[in-house]
Amino acid sequence: MLTTGGYRKYLGFFGKRNVGKSSLINVLVGQDVSIVSEYPGTTTDPVYKSLEIHPIGPVTVVDTPGVDDVGELGELRVKKAKEVLYKIDLAVLVVDERWDDYEEWLISTFKKMDIPFVVALNKVDNCWDTSKVLERVKNYPHQSVSAKTGEGVEKLRELITNTLPKEEDIPLLSDLIDGGEIVLLVVPIDLGAPRGRLIMPQVEAIRETLDREAICVVVKERELKWALEKLKEPPALVVADSHLISRIAADVPEEIPLTTFSILEARHKGDLIELVKGVKQIEKLTPESKVVIMEACSHVPLVEDIGRVKIPRWLTNHVGGGIEFEVKSGKEFPKDLDNVDLIIHCGGCTLTRAMMLRRIREAKRRGISISNYGVVISYLHGILERVLRPFPEAHQIFVEENAVM
């Protein structure tokens, strides 16, 4: 299994200042991940550390500033701590005997955002009376621990392991093919492909094909027709880059299943059905509409950047001009989404599935339609119906909704 940021579990440690979050992380992972001090507010920004925790496997542990930090600078630190909530798979609420509204707010937020959590009652080596806090958390997974002596830490590790969500493992493409079949990947080599590297969805597609004991053929777009002619039998699936899909569709016979890397990612990392439903918002856009292009990573924009240049150009031509576009980059979900009519998200290859699903749910909660690059591009080029055929449920929904649009 790949262990890049998009395939790790994210564990976030939250609580007030000086409850021992950093100390607990260090003893839990067996490394000095976070700076420890007796002075409140030592952790001023979220600290990320990627490592392996047995038996969970690859994880990224996030140490956050105290949510009770004060002053103008403290407010900024608290804001950073809250932004971490959109990234994590599980929250560890670290508390001591000072239970108050901050803990209540955190638990309420975890519930609202559908974030699994456990409570660590720290500093029990101080012999404080845990009964009042236990009464508050008795209905939640909890464990008494001491970051100083190590008491209860192994049990906390077990609790975290057992509480982490066992999400459905949706493959990228291996369920669409059988062993011995041919998968034809059309991979452009352009300015967006650094020398010696392929992008993550392309790499994973190759790996899943090999794991399935199928045959992977990789070509550039100019060699596609030649490759199809050379093959003794048609491929079971052709996967192409989204911005080439019109050209590729013209070269691939209708009877051969065809889709895009971005649509595969939409199903693998997010919710393809919701992203397909969101595309119908395009027909409701006007020259006064506002569209947010949301990127999960930060990269240097290219001259013909797919999200910042091409999609706005195609969408403007479709609607008739005048749309306001705004680009939001990074793994923090933006707060300022007032008067937004549509979010067009990237494939999310650097996000975990939990992160992407949380973004989709948050958009729905705010009443904002959301789709992704591959779905939108295919729709604007009139090819979405075809590239959804490998996914019967999403295809049926698109056909039914398109019939009444």
Protein backbone atom coordinates (compact mmCIF):
# COMPACT_ATOMS: atom_id res chain seq x y z
CA MET A 1 0.00 0.00 0.00
CA LEU A 2 1.27 3.48 -0.86
CA THR A 3 2.12 5.56 2.20
CA THR A 4 2.09 9.10 0.83
CA GLY A 5 0.00 11.71 2.64
CA GLY A 6 -3.13 10.55 0.83
CA TYR A 7 -2.81 7.02 2.24
CA ARG A 8 -2.01 7.68 5.89
CA LYS A 9 -4.31 7.91 8.87
CA TYR A 10 -4.25 11.34 10.51
CA LEU A 11 -4.48 11.46 14.32
CA GLY A 12 -5.09 14.90 15.85
CA PHE A 13 -4.43 15.66 19.53
CA PHE A 14 -6.60 18.44 20.95
CA GLY A 15 -7.16 20.10 24.31
CA LYS A 16 -6.38 23.12 26.40
CA ARG A 17 -2.88 24.46 27.00
CA ASN A 18 -0.69 22.50 29.37
CA VAL A 19 -2.86 19.37 29.57
CA GLY A 20 0.09 17.35 28.27
CA LYS A 21 -0.78 16.83 24.59
CA SER A 22 2.83 17.04 23.43
CA SER A 23 4.14 14.82 26.24
CA LEU A 24 1.48 12.22 25.54
CA ILE A 25 2.28 12.17 21.83
CA ASN A 26 5.97 11.68 22.53
CA VAL A 27 5.44 8.72 24.84
CA LEU A 28 2.75 7.23 22.59
CA VAL A 29 4.96 7.17 19.51
CA GLY A 30 8.23 6.62 21.33
CA GLN A 31 9.86 9.69 19.78
CA ASP A 32 10.39 13.34 20.70
CA VAL A 33 7.91 14.61 18.13
CA SER A 34 6.81 17.72 20.00
CA ILE A 35 8.58 20.24 22.21
CA VAL A 36 7.57 19.80 25.85
CA SER A 37 7.61 22.59 28.43
CA GLU A 38 5.90 23.37 31.71
CA TYR A 39 4.90 26.75 30.28
CA PRO A 40 1.42 26.94 28.68
CA GLY A 41 1.31 27.64 24.95
CA THR A 42 4.57 25.96 23.97
CA THR A 43 2.96 24.50 20.84
CA THR A 44 2.30 27.60 18.73
CA ASP A 45 1.43 25.94 15.40
CA PRO A 46 0.18 22.46 14.48
CA VAL A 47 3.11 20.03 14.41
CA TYR A 48 2.93 17.18 11.88
CA LYS A 49 4.95 14.01 12.21
CA SER A 50 4.65 11.04 9.84
CA LEU A 51 5.66 7.67 11.23
CA GLU A 52 4.48 4.11 11.81
CA ILE A 53 2.46 3.15 14.88
CA HIS A 54 1.92 -0.53 15.46
CA PRO A 55 -0.61 -1.95 14.69
CA ILE A 56 -2.19 1.01 12.88
CA GLY A 57 0.58 1.35 10.30
CA PRO A 58 1.51 4.62 8.54
CA VAL A 59 0.07 7.64 10.35
CA THR A 60 0.54 11.37 10.61
CA VAL A 61 0.26 12.62 14.18
CA VAL A 62 -0.81 16.25 14.60
CA ASP A 63 -0.05 18.16 17.81
CA THR A 64 -2.23 21.27 18.04
CA PRO A 65 -2.05 24.51 20.03
CA GLY A 66 -4.29 24.79 23.08
CA VAL A 67 -7.84 25.82 22.23
CA ASP A 68 -7.89 28.14 25.27
CA ASP A 69 -5.00 30.30 24.05
CA VAL A 70 -5.62 34.02 24.58
CA GLY A 71 -4.73 37.34 23.02
CA GLU A 72 -4.54 38.30 19.36
CA LEU A 73 -1.74 35.83 18.66
CA GLY A 74 -3.52 33.17 20.69
CA GLU A 75 -6.63 33.55 18.54
CA LEU A 76 -4.56 32.85 15.45
CA ARG A 77 -3.14 29.73 17.09
CA VAL A 78 -6.62 28.52 18.00
CA LYS A 79 -7.71 29.12 14.41
CA LYS A 80 -4.85 26.89 13.21
CA ALA A 81 -5.89 24.20 15.68
CA LYS A 82 -9.48 24.29 14.39
CA GLU A 83 -8.32 23.99 10.77
CA VAL A 84 -6.72 20.64 11.62
CA LEU A 85 -10.21 19.21 12.22
CA TYR A 86 -10.82 19.01 8.47
CA LYS A 87 -7.81 16.74 7.99
CA ILE A 88 -8.00 14.09 10.67
CA ASP A 89 -9.37 10.56 10.78
CA LEU A 90 -9.54 10.47 14.57
CA ALA A 91 -9.26 13.03 17.37
CA VAL A 92 -7.66 12.43 20.75
CA LEU A 93 -9.07 14.83 23.33
CA VAL A 94 -6.48 15.21 26.08
CA VAL A 95 -7.88 16.45 29.41
CA ASP A 96 -6.90 16.88 33.02
CA GLU A 97 -8.98 17.82 36.04
CA ARG A 98 -9.80 21.27 34.61
CA TRP A 99 -12.89 20.27 32.60
CA ASP A 100 -14.87 23.23 31.30
CA ASP A 101 -16.56 24.71 28.20
CA TYR A 102 -13.53 24.12 25.98
CA GLU A 103 -13.86 20.35 26.27
CA GLU A 104 -17.61 20.58 25.75
CA TRP A 105 -17.05 22.64 22.60
CA LEU A 106 -14.51 20.18 21.22
CA ILE A 107 -16.77 17.18 21.78
CA SER A 108 -19.69 19.03 20.20
CA THR A 109 -17.50 19.91 17.20
CA PHE A 110 -16.28 16.32 16.80
CA LYS A 111 -19.88 15.15 16.71
CA LYS A 112 -21.00 17.86 14.30
CA MET A 113 -18.16 17.06 11.91
CA ASP A 114 -18.61 13.31 12.33
CA ILE A 115 -15.05 12.86 13.61
CA PRO A 116 -14.42 9.72 15.69
CA PHE A 117 -12.69 10.58 18.97
CA VAL A 118 -11.29 9.17 22.19
CA VAL A 119 -10.63 10.94 25.48
CA ALA A 120 -7.31 10.63 27.30
CA LEU A 121 -7.49 11.55 31.00
CA ASN A 122 -3.88 12.62 31.48
CA LYS A 123 -1.71 13.29 34.54
CA VAL A 124 -3.30 10.56 36.67
CA ASP A 125 0.11 10.24 38.32
CA ASN A 126 -0.86 13.49 40.12
CA CYS A 127 -3.59 11.46 41.85
CA TRP A 128 -6.29 13.92 40.88
CA ASP A 129 -9.93 12.93 41.37
CA THR A 130 -11.00 11.60 37.96
CA SER A 131 -14.60 10.89 38.97
CA LYS A 132 -16.04 14.19 37.73
CA VAL A 133 -14.36 13.93 34.33
CA LEU A 134 -15.25 10.24 34.03
CA GLU A 135 -18.89 11.18 34.57
CA ARG A 136 -18.63 13.56 31.59
CA VAL A 137 -16.98 11.04 29.26
CA LYS A 138 -18.47 7.74 30.39
CA ASN A 139 -20.41 7.40 27.14
CA TYR A 140 -17.33 7.97 24.97
CA PRO A 141 -14.20 5.86 24.44
CA HIS A 142 -11.78 6.98 27.17
CA GLN A 143 -8.62 5.93 28.96
CA SER A 144 -6.75 7.21 32.01
CA VAL A 145 -3.05 7.77 31.27
CA SER A 146 0.12 9.33 32.53
CA ALA A 147 2.48 10.77 29.95
CA LYS A 148 5.06 11.01 32.75
CA THR A 149 5.04 7.37 33.93
CA GLY A 150 3.59 5.67 30.84
CA GLU A 151 0.62 4.31 32.79
CA GLY A 152 -2.29 3.45 30.50
CA VAL A 153 -0.47 4.46 27.30
CA GLU A 154 -0.59 0.98 25.75
CA LYS A 155 -4.30 0.76 26.50
CA LEU A 156 -4.76 4.19 24.88
CA ARG A 157 -2.94 2.91 21.80
CA GLU A 158 -5.34 -0.06 21.65
CA LEU A 159 -8.31 2.26 22.11
CA ILE A 160 -7.14 4.48 19.25
CA THR A 161 -6.62 1.42 17.04
CA ASN A 162 -10.09 0.06 17.78
CA THR A 163 -11.80 3.45 17.35
CA LEU A 164 -10.23 4.41 14.04
CA PRO A 165 -12.93 4.11 11.38
CA LYS A 166 -12.78 1.01 9.22
CA GLU A 167 -13.77 2.75 6.01
CA GLU A 168 -14.72 0.90 2.89
CA ASP A 169 -11.61 0.38 0.80
CA ILE A 170 -12.69 1.50 -2.64
CA PRO A 171 -10.04 0.65 -5.23
CA LEU A 172 -9.00 2.96 -7.99
CA LEU A 173 -9.68 0.53 -10.84
CA SER A 174 -8.89 -3.06 -9.82
CA ASP A 175 -12.58 -3.95 -9.42
CA LEU A 176 -13.22 -2.87 -13.02
CA ILE A 177 -10.87 -5.47 -14.54
CA ASP A 178 -10.01 -9.16 -14.31
CA GLY A 179 -6.68 -10.92 -14.28
CA GLY A 180 -5.16 -11.28 -17.73
CA GLU A 181 -7.10 -8.36 -19.18
CA ILE A 182 -5.43 -5.31 -20.71
CA VAL A 183 -5.62 -1.84 -19.19
CA LEU A 184 -4.51 0.97 -21.47
CA LEU A 185 -3.38 4.13 -19.66
CA VAL A 186 -3.02 7.30 -21.70
CA VAL A 187 -0.47 9.41 -19.86
CA PRO A 188 0.49 12.84 -21.21
CA ILE A 189 4.04 14.00 -20.64
CA ASP A 190 3.69 17.76 -20.35
CA LEU A 191 4.83 20.67 -18.18
CA GLY A 192 2.85 19.25 -15.27
CA ALA A 193 4.87 16.03 -15.23
CA PRO A 194 8.29 16.55 -13.58
CA ARG A 195 11.18 14.69 -15.16
CA GLY A 196 11.35 11.05 -14.05
CA ARG A 197 7.96 11.10 -12.31
CA LEU A 198 4.31 10.30 -12.90
CA ILE A 199 1.45 11.75 -10.89
CA MET A 200 0.05 9.66 -8.06
CA PRO A 201 -3.18 8.40 -9.75
CA GLN A 202 -1.12 7.13 -12.69
CA VAL A 203 1.29 5.32 -10.39
CA GLU A 204 -1.52 3.76 -8.40
CA ALA A 205 -3.34 2.69 -11.56
CA ILE A 206 -0.22 0.84 -12.69
CA ARG A 207 0.20 -0.79 -9.28
CA GLU A 208 -3.43 -1.91 -9.01
CA THR A 209 -3.32 -3.35 -12.52
CA LEU A 210 -0.22 -5.38 -11.65
CA ASP A 211 -1.71 -6.50 -8.33
CA ARG A 212 -4.78 -7.67 -10.24
CA GLU A 213 -2.43 -9.71 -12.48
CA ALA A 214 -3.70 -7.81 -15.48
CA ILE A 215 -1.59 -6.31 -18.27
CA CYS A 216 -0.81 -2.60 -18.11
CA VAL A 217 0.01 -0.72 -21.30
CA VAL A 218 1.07 2.91 -20.91
CA VAL A 219 1.20 5.28 -23.89
CA LYS A 220 1.16 8.99 -24.62
CA GLU A 221 -1.85 10.40 -26.42
CA ARG A 222 -0.10 10.46 -29.79
CA GLU A 223 0.55 6.71 -29.63
CA LEU A 224 -2.99 5.73 -28.62
CA LYS A 225 -4.34 4.83 -32.05
CA TRP A 226 -1.16 2.94 -32.89
CA ALA A 227 -1.37 0.99 -29.62
CA LEU A 228 -5.00 0.05 -30.21
CA GLU A 229 -4.13 -1.23 -33.66
CA LYS A 230 -1.20 -3.29 -32.32
CA LEU A 231 -3.16 -5.01 -29.55
CA LYS A 232 -4.50 -8.44 -30.53
CA GLU A 233 -7.54 -7.92 -28.32
CA PRO A 234 -9.25 -4.72 -27.17
CA PRO A 235 -8.41 -3.41 -23.70
CA ALA A 236 -10.86 -3.99 -20.86
CA LEU A 237 -10.46 -0.35 -19.86
CA VAL A 238 -8.88 2.83 -21.20
CA VAL A 239 -8.02 5.58 -18.72
CA ALA A 240 -7.04 9.04 -19.92
CA ASP A 241 -6.15 12.42 -18.50
CA SER A 242 -9.24 14.61 -18.18
CA HIS A 243 -8.09 17.52 -20.33
CA LEU A 244 -7.48 15.12 -23.26
CA ILE A 245 -10.73 13.24 -22.97
CA SER A 246 -12.44 14.58 -26.10
CA ARG A 247 -9.47 13.70 -28.28
CA ILE A 248 -9.10 10.28 -26.64
CA ALA A 249 -12.81 9.48 -26.92
CA ALA A 250 -12.64 10.08 -30.65
CA ASP A 251 -9.90 7.44 -30.97
CA VAL A 252 -11.38 4.81 -28.65
CA PRO A 253 -14.24 2.71 -30.09
CA GLU A 254 -17.55 3.08 -28.26
CA GLU A 255 -17.59 -0.55 -27.16
CA ILE A 256 -14.35 -0.13 -25.17
CA PRO A 257 -14.90 1.16 -21.60
CA LEU A 258 -13.34 4.59 -21.15
CA THR A 259 -12.91 6.88 -18.15
CA THR A 260 -10.47 9.43 -16.67
CA PHE A 261 -7.97 9.38 -13.84
CA SER A 262 -9.85 12.19 -12.10
CA ILE A 263 -13.15 10.31 -12.18
CA LEU A 264 -11.42 7.23 -10.80
CA GLU A 265 -10.09 9.45 -8.00
CA ALA A 266 -13.55 10.89 -7.40
CA ARG A 267 -14.82 7.41 -6.56
CA HIS A 268 -11.65 6.20 -4.83
CA LYS A 269 -11.14 9.19 -2.54
CA GLY A 270 -14.56 10.79 -2.36
CA ASP A 271 -18.17 10.29 -3.38
CA LEU A 272 -18.57 10.02 -7.14
CA ILE A 273 -22.35 10.10 -6.97
CA GLU A 274 -22.42 13.40 -5.05
CA LEU A 275 -19.83 14.92 -7.38
CA VAL A 276 -21.91 13.84 -10.39
CA LYS A 277 -25.02 15.36 -8.82
CA GLY A 278 -23.12 18.60 -8.29
CA VAL A 279 -22.32 19.03 -11.96
CA LYS A 280 -25.93 19.91 -12.78
CA GLN A 281 -25.35 23.24 -11.00
CA ILE A 282 -23.41 24.32 -14.09
CA GLU A 283 -26.65 24.84 -15.98
CA LYS A 284 -27.86 27.17 -13.21
CA LEU A 285 -24.82 29.43 -13.38
CA THR A 286 -25.12 32.93 -14.75
CA PRO A 287 -22.55 35.61 -15.65
CA GLU A 288 -23.01 36.86 -12.05
CA SER A 289 -22.21 33.51 -10.40
CA LYS A 290 -19.22 32.75 -8.19
CA VAL A 291 -17.22 29.53 -8.61
CA VAL A 292 -14.44 28.33 -6.30
CA ILE A 293 -11.64 26.20 -7.73
CA MET A 294 -10.44 24.13 -4.76
CA GLU A 295 -7.02 22.49 -4.80
CA ALA A 296 -5.88 20.13 -2.05
CA CYS A 297 -2.21 20.90 -2.63
CA SER A 298 -0.22 24.03 -3.26
CA HIS A 299 1.72 24.08 -6.52
CA VAL A 300 3.29 26.63 -8.80
CA PRO A 301 0.64 27.43 -11.45
CA LEU A 302 1.51 26.48 -15.03
CA VAL A 303 0.89 28.64 -18.07
CA GLU A 304 -2.05 26.44 -19.05
CA ASP A 305 -2.95 25.28 -15.54
CA ILE A 306 -5.91 22.92 -15.60
CA GLY A 307 -7.69 24.36 -12.56
CA ARG A 308 -6.73 28.02 -12.84
CA VAL A 309 -6.82 28.51 -16.61
CA LYS A 310 -8.48 25.77 -18.61
CA ILE A 311 -11.55 24.99 -16.47
CA PRO A 312 -12.41 28.70 -16.00
CA ARG A 313 -12.02 29.21 -19.74
CA TRP A 314 -14.25 26.25 -20.67
CA LEU A 315 -16.85 27.13 -18.03
CA THR A 316 -16.92 30.79 -19.06
CA ASN A 317 -17.48 29.80 -22.68
CA HIS A 318 -20.27 27.42 -21.63
CA VAL A 319 -22.11 29.96 -19.47
CA GLY A 320 -21.42 33.02 -21.57
CA GLY A 321 -18.85 35.00 -19.60
CA GLY A 322 -18.75 37.05 -16.44
CA ILE A 323 -18.29 34.29 -13.85
CA GLU A 324 -16.22 35.20 -10.79
CA PHE A 325 -13.55 32.57 -10.09
CA GLU A 326 -11.56 32.19 -6.90
CA VAL A 327 -8.84 29.63 -6.21
CA LYS A 328 -8.49 28.06 -2.75
CA SER A 329 -5.37 25.95 -2.20
CA GLY A 330 -4.14 23.73 0.62
CA LYS A 331 -5.48 21.07 2.95
CA GLU A 332 -7.31 23.56 5.16
CA PHE A 333 -10.98 23.83 4.23
CA PRO A 334 -11.63 27.56 3.59
CA LYS A 335 -14.08 29.40 5.82
CA ASP A 336 -14.89 32.28 3.46
CA LEU A 337 -17.31 30.66 1.04
CA ASP A 338 -20.10 33.22 1.12
CA ASN A 339 -22.25 33.52 -2.01
CA VAL A 340 -20.48 30.63 -3.73
CA ASP A 341 -22.58 28.81 -6.32
CA LEU A 342 -20.28 25.91 -7.14
CA ILE A 343 -17.08 24.31 -5.84
CA ILE A 344 -14.94 22.49 -8.40
CA HIS A 345 -12.46 20.32 -6.51
CA CYS A 346 -9.27 18.72 -7.75
CA GLY A 347 -8.89 14.94 -7.76
CA GLY A 348 -7.73 14.99 -4.15
CA CYS A 349 -4.77 12.64 -4.63
CA THR A 350 -2.95 14.22 -1.66
CA LEU A 351 -5.99 13.86 0.61
CA THR A 352 -7.18 10.84 2.52
CA ARG A 353 -10.66 9.54 1.79
CA ALA A 354 -11.83 10.89 5.17
CA MET A 355 -10.55 14.37 4.29
CA MET A 356 -12.28 14.40 0.92
CA LEU A 357 -15.57 13.08 2.28
CA ARG A 358 -15.49 15.70 5.03
CA ARG A 359 -15.06 18.42 2.41
CA ILE A 360 -18.00 17.10 0.42
CA ARG A 361 -20.17 16.91 3.55
CA GLU A 362 -19.16 20.44 4.58
CA ALA A 363 -20.07 21.81 1.15
CA LYS A 364 -23.47 20.10 1.37
CA ARG A 365 -23.99 21.43 4.90
CA ARG A 366 -23.43 24.95 3.57
CA GLY A 367 -25.78 24.35 0.66
CA ILE A 368 -23.04 24.63 -1.97
CA SER A 369 -22.94 22.28 -4.95
CA ILE A 370 -19.60 20.49 -5.37
CA SER A 371 -18.08 18.55 -8.24
CA ASN A 372 -14.53 17.75 -9.32
CA TYR A 373 -12.16 18.48 -12.18
CA GLY A 374 -12.74 15.24 -14.09
CA VAL A 375 -16.52 15.30 -13.82
CA VAL A 376 -16.76 18.96 -14.82
CA ILE A 377 -14.32 18.69 -17.71
CA SER A 378 -16.06 15.64 -19.14
CA TYR A 379 -19.43 17.35 -18.78
CA LEU A 380 -18.29 20.53 -20.52
CA HIS A 381 -16.90 18.45 -23.38
CA GLY A 382 -20.11 16.44 -23.73
CA ILE A 383 -18.44 13.17 -22.83
CA LEU A 384 -19.55 12.60 -19.20
CA GLU A 385 -22.21 10.03 -20.03
CA ARG A 386 -19.63 7.85 -21.73
CA VAL A 387 -16.88 8.04 -19.09
CA LEU A 388 -19.41 7.19 -16.36
CA ARG A 389 -20.47 3.93 -18.01
CA PRO A 390 -17.98 1.84 -16.00
CA PHE A 391 -19.84 3.01 -12.85
CA PRO A 392 -23.49 1.94 -13.28
CA GLU A 393 -24.98 3.75 -10.28
CA ALA A 394 -23.34 7.10 -11.02
CA HIS A 395 -24.11 6.68 -14.72
CA GLN A 396 -27.79 6.05 -14.04
CA ILE A 397 -28.07 9.08 -11.77
CA PHE A 398 -26.46 11.32 -14.37
CA VAL A 399 -28.69 10.02 -17.15
CA GLU A 400 -31.83 10.46 -15.03
CA GLU A 401 -30.92 13.94 -13.80
CA ASN A 402 -29.70 15.04 -17.23
CA ALA A 403 -33.04 13.97 -18.69
CA VAL A 404 -34.88 16.55 -16.57
CA MET A 405 -32.32 19.36 -16.82
